[in-house]
């Protein structure tokens, strides 16, 4: 899907190329969806054609907290325990 967005020229610095602004808007969209828990970090990475580590870096730069709770921690511990028993 392709989405077009119009913004008045006065809100875009003249030094920024259209590609830079487009990328910033795409990243903002993906990170906001992550913040609202509508998109996983893996999906953010896929959407932005990045690695998960690169998506983590953007999340961190934007000061967005990691969506990770006690249930996620418990699930991770169970997975580790399962592999250690083998």
N, C-alpha and C. Protein backbone atom coordinates (compact mmCIF):
# COMPACT_ATOMS: atom_id res chain seq x y z
N UNK A 1 0.84 -1.17 0.00
CA UNK A 1 0.00 0.00 0.00
C UNK A 1 0.89 1.23 0.00
N UNK A 2 0.47 2.19 -0.75
CA UNK A 2 1.21 3.45 -0.79
C UNK A 2 0.30 4.54 -0.26
N UNK A 3 0.81 5.34 0.69
CA UNK A 3 0.06 6.43 1.29
C UNK A 3 0.80 7.73 1.01
N UNK A 4 0.08 8.74 0.58
CA UNK A 4 0.68 10.05 0.33
C UNK A 4 0.19 11.02 1.39
N UNK A 5 1.09 11.87 1.85
CA UNK A 5 0.76 12.87 2.86
C UNK A 5 1.22 14.22 2.35
N UNK A 6 0.38 15.21 2.51
CA UNK A 6 0.75 16.58 2.13
C UNK A 6 0.97 17.39 3.39
N UNK A 7 2.00 18.23 3.36
CA UNK A 7 2.27 19.12 4.48
C UNK A 7 2.72 20.46 3.90
N UNK A 8 2.33 21.55 4.51
CA UNK A 8 2.75 22.85 3.99
C UNK A 8 4.29 22.98 3.99
N UNK A 9 4.80 23.61 2.96
CA UNK A 9 6.25 23.79 2.82
C UNK A 9 6.88 24.45 4.04
N UNK A 10 6.15 25.35 4.68
CA UNK A 10 6.72 26.07 5.82
C UNK A 10 7.06 25.16 7.01
N UNK A 11 6.54 23.93 7.01
CA UNK A 11 6.83 23.01 8.10
C UNK A 11 7.98 22.05 7.79
N UNK A 12 8.51 22.13 6.59
CA UNK A 12 9.61 21.26 6.19
C UNK A 12 10.84 22.12 5.94
N UNK A 13 11.91 21.91 6.71
CA UNK A 13 13.13 22.69 6.48
C UNK A 13 13.61 22.52 5.04
N UNK A 14 14.03 23.61 4.43
CA UNK A 14 14.48 23.58 3.04
C UNK A 14 15.70 22.69 2.84
N UNK A 15 16.45 22.47 3.91
CA UNK A 15 17.66 21.67 3.79
C UNK A 15 17.35 20.17 3.72
N UNK A 16 16.13 19.79 4.11
CA UNK A 16 15.77 18.37 4.09
C UNK A 16 15.27 17.94 2.72
N UNK A 17 15.81 16.85 2.24
CA UNK A 17 15.33 16.29 0.98
C UNK A 17 14.01 15.57 1.23
N UNK A 18 13.21 15.44 0.20
CA UNK A 18 11.92 14.77 0.32
C UNK A 18 12.10 13.35 0.87
N UNK A 19 13.16 12.67 0.45
CA UNK A 19 13.40 11.30 0.90
C UNK A 19 13.64 11.26 2.41
N UNK A 20 14.35 12.26 2.94
CA UNK A 20 14.64 12.33 4.38
C UNK A 20 13.35 12.54 5.16
N UNK A 21 12.53 13.46 4.71
CA UNK A 21 11.25 13.75 5.38
C UNK A 21 10.35 12.52 5.30
N UNK A 22 10.29 11.87 4.16
CA UNK A 22 9.47 10.68 4.00
C UNK A 22 9.91 9.59 4.96
N UNK A 23 11.22 9.40 5.09
CA UNK A 23 11.74 8.38 6.00
C UNK A 23 11.41 8.73 7.45
N UNK A 24 11.55 10.00 7.81
CA UNK A 24 11.22 10.42 9.17
C UNK A 24 9.75 10.17 9.48
N UNK A 25 8.88 10.43 8.52
CA UNK A 25 7.45 10.21 8.73
C UNK A 25 7.14 8.72 8.86
N UNK A 26 7.80 7.90 8.06
CA UNK A 26 7.61 6.46 8.12
C UNK A 26 8.06 5.91 9.47
N UNK A 27 9.22 6.38 9.95
CA UNK A 27 9.72 5.95 11.26
C UNK A 27 8.79 6.41 12.37
N UNK A 28 8.31 7.65 12.28
CA UNK A 28 7.40 8.17 13.30
C UNK A 28 6.12 7.34 13.35
N UNK A 29 5.59 6.98 12.19
CA UNK A 29 4.39 6.15 12.12
C UNK A 29 4.63 4.80 12.79
N UNK A 30 5.72 4.15 12.44
CA UNK A 30 6.01 2.82 12.98
C UNK A 30 6.25 2.88 14.49
N UNK A 31 7.03 3.84 14.95
CA UNK A 31 7.33 3.95 16.38
C UNK A 31 6.08 4.30 17.18
N UNK A 32 5.22 5.14 16.64
CA UNK A 32 3.98 5.47 17.35
C UNK A 32 3.07 4.25 17.46
N UNK A 33 3.04 3.43 16.41
CA UNK A 33 2.26 2.19 16.49
C UNK A 33 2.86 1.24 17.52
N UNK A 34 4.18 1.20 17.63
CA UNK A 34 4.83 0.39 18.66
C UNK A 34 4.47 0.94 20.05
N UNK A 35 4.53 2.24 20.22
CA UNK A 35 4.22 2.88 21.50
C UNK A 35 2.80 2.52 21.95
N UNK A 36 1.88 2.48 20.99
CA UNK A 36 0.49 2.15 21.29
C UNK A 36 0.23 0.64 21.33
N UNK A 37 1.29 -0.14 21.21
CA UNK A 37 1.24 -1.60 21.22
C UNK A 37 0.37 -2.17 20.10
N UNK A 38 0.36 -1.47 18.97
CA UNK A 38 -0.35 -1.94 17.79
C UNK A 38 0.60 -2.69 16.86
N UNK A 39 1.90 -2.57 17.13
CA UNK A 39 2.92 -3.16 16.28
C UNK A 39 4.05 -3.65 17.18
N UNK A 40 4.53 -4.86 16.94
CA UNK A 40 5.67 -5.37 17.69
C UNK A 40 6.95 -4.73 17.17
N UNK A 41 8.02 -4.86 17.94
CA UNK A 41 9.29 -4.30 17.48
C UNK A 41 9.78 -5.04 16.23
N UNK A 42 9.50 -6.32 16.17
CA UNK A 42 9.85 -7.09 14.97
C UNK A 42 9.12 -6.57 13.75
N UNK A 43 7.85 -6.22 13.93
CA UNK A 43 7.06 -5.67 12.83
C UNK A 43 7.56 -4.28 12.44
N UNK A 44 7.98 -3.49 13.45
CA UNK A 44 8.56 -2.17 13.17
C UNK A 44 9.80 -2.35 12.29
N UNK A 45 10.65 -3.29 12.69
CA UNK A 45 11.87 -3.55 11.92
C UNK A 45 11.54 -3.96 10.49
N UNK A 46 10.57 -4.84 10.35
CA UNK A 46 10.17 -5.29 9.02
C UNK A 46 9.60 -4.13 8.20
N UNK A 47 8.76 -3.32 8.83
CA UNK A 47 8.13 -2.19 8.16
C UNK A 47 9.17 -1.18 7.66
N UNK A 48 10.22 -0.98 8.47
CA UNK A 48 11.26 -0.02 8.12
C UNK A 48 12.42 -0.65 7.37
N UNK A 49 12.33 -1.97 7.09
CA UNK A 49 13.39 -2.71 6.42
C UNK A 49 14.71 -2.58 7.17
N UNK A 50 14.64 -2.84 8.48
CA UNK A 50 15.80 -2.78 9.36
C UNK A 50 15.94 -4.09 10.12
N UNK A 51 17.06 -4.24 10.81
CA UNK A 51 17.18 -5.34 11.74
C UNK A 51 16.46 -4.95 13.03
N UNK A 52 16.19 -5.93 13.88
CA UNK A 52 15.54 -5.63 15.16
C UNK A 52 16.44 -4.73 16.00
N UNK A 53 17.75 -4.94 15.94
CA UNK A 53 18.68 -4.08 16.69
C UNK A 53 18.59 -2.63 16.21
N UNK A 54 18.48 -2.43 14.91
CA UNK A 54 18.35 -1.07 14.38
C UNK A 54 17.01 -0.44 14.80
N UNK A 55 15.95 -1.25 14.82
CA UNK A 55 14.65 -0.75 15.28
C UNK A 55 14.72 -0.39 16.77
N UNK A 56 15.43 -1.21 17.56
CA UNK A 56 15.64 -0.89 18.98
C UNK A 56 16.34 0.46 19.12
N UNK A 57 17.32 0.71 18.29
CA UNK A 57 18.06 1.98 18.36
C UNK A 57 17.14 3.16 18.09
N UNK A 58 16.26 3.03 17.11
CA UNK A 58 15.32 4.11 16.81
C UNK A 58 14.37 4.30 17.99
N UNK A 59 13.86 3.18 18.53
CA UNK A 59 12.97 3.25 19.69
C UNK A 59 13.64 3.97 20.84
N UNK A 60 14.89 3.63 21.08
CA UNK A 60 15.64 4.25 22.16
C UNK A 60 15.89 5.73 21.90
N UNK A 61 16.26 6.08 20.67
CA UNK A 61 16.47 7.48 20.29
C UNK A 61 15.21 8.31 20.49
N UNK A 62 14.06 7.70 20.25
CA UNK A 62 12.78 8.39 20.40
C UNK A 62 12.27 8.36 21.84
N UNK A 63 13.07 7.74 22.74
CA UNK A 63 12.73 7.63 24.16
C UNK A 63 11.39 6.92 24.39
N UNK A 64 11.17 5.88 23.59
CA UNK A 64 9.97 5.06 23.72
C UNK A 64 10.35 3.85 24.57
N UNK A 65 9.61 3.62 25.67
CA UNK A 65 9.95 2.48 26.53
C UNK A 65 9.73 1.14 25.81
N UNK A 66 10.50 0.17 26.23
CA UNK A 66 10.39 -1.18 25.69
C UNK A 66 9.08 -1.78 26.16
N UNK A 67 8.30 -2.34 25.25
CA UNK A 67 7.05 -3.01 25.61
C UNK A 67 7.39 -4.42 26.08
N UNK A 68 7.64 -4.54 27.37
CA UNK A 68 8.05 -5.81 27.95
C UNK A 68 7.52 -5.84 29.37
N UNK A 69 6.69 -6.82 29.68
CA UNK A 69 6.08 -6.87 31.00
C UNK A 69 6.44 -8.16 31.73
N UNK A 70 5.85 -8.34 32.90
CA UNK A 70 6.17 -9.52 33.71
C UNK A 70 5.77 -10.82 33.00
N UNK A 71 4.69 -10.79 32.26
CA UNK A 71 4.27 -11.97 31.52
C UNK A 71 5.31 -12.35 30.46
N UNK A 72 5.86 -11.34 29.79
CA UNK A 72 6.92 -11.59 28.80
C UNK A 72 8.15 -12.18 29.47
N UNK A 73 8.49 -11.67 30.64
CA UNK A 73 9.64 -12.18 31.39
C UNK A 73 9.42 -13.63 31.78
N UNK A 74 8.22 -13.94 32.29
CA UNK A 74 7.91 -15.32 32.68
C UNK A 74 7.98 -16.26 31.47
N UNK A 75 7.47 -15.82 30.35
CA UNK A 75 7.51 -16.62 29.13
C UNK A 75 8.95 -16.87 28.71
N UNK A 76 9.78 -15.85 28.79
CA UNK A 76 11.19 -16.00 28.45
C UNK A 76 11.90 -16.97 29.38
N UNK A 77 11.59 -16.90 30.65
CA UNK A 77 12.20 -17.82 31.62
C UNK A 77 11.79 -19.26 31.33
N UNK A 78 10.51 -19.48 31.02
CA UNK A 78 10.05 -20.84 30.70
C UNK A 78 10.76 -21.37 29.46
N UNK A 79 10.95 -20.52 28.48
CA UNK A 79 11.64 -20.94 27.26
C UNK A 79 13.08 -21.32 27.56
N UNK A 80 13.76 -20.51 28.36
CA UNK A 80 15.15 -20.81 28.73
C UNK A 80 15.23 -22.12 29.49
N UNK A 81 14.32 -22.31 30.45
CA UNK A 81 14.30 -23.54 31.24
C UNK A 81 14.09 -24.75 30.35
N UNK A 82 13.20 -24.63 29.36
CA UNK A 82 12.92 -25.73 28.44
C UNK A 82 14.19 -26.12 27.68
N UNK A 83 14.95 -25.13 27.22
CA UNK A 83 16.17 -25.42 26.47
C UNK A 83 17.28 -25.97 27.38
N UNK A 84 17.31 -25.53 28.62
CA UNK A 84 18.33 -26.03 29.54
C UNK A 84 18.10 -27.46 29.95
N UNK A 85 16.87 -27.92 29.92
CA UNK A 85 16.53 -29.31 30.28
C UNK A 85 16.90 -30.29 29.21
N UNK A 86 17.09 -29.82 27.98
CA UNK A 86 17.42 -30.74 26.86
C UNK A 86 18.83 -31.21 26.94
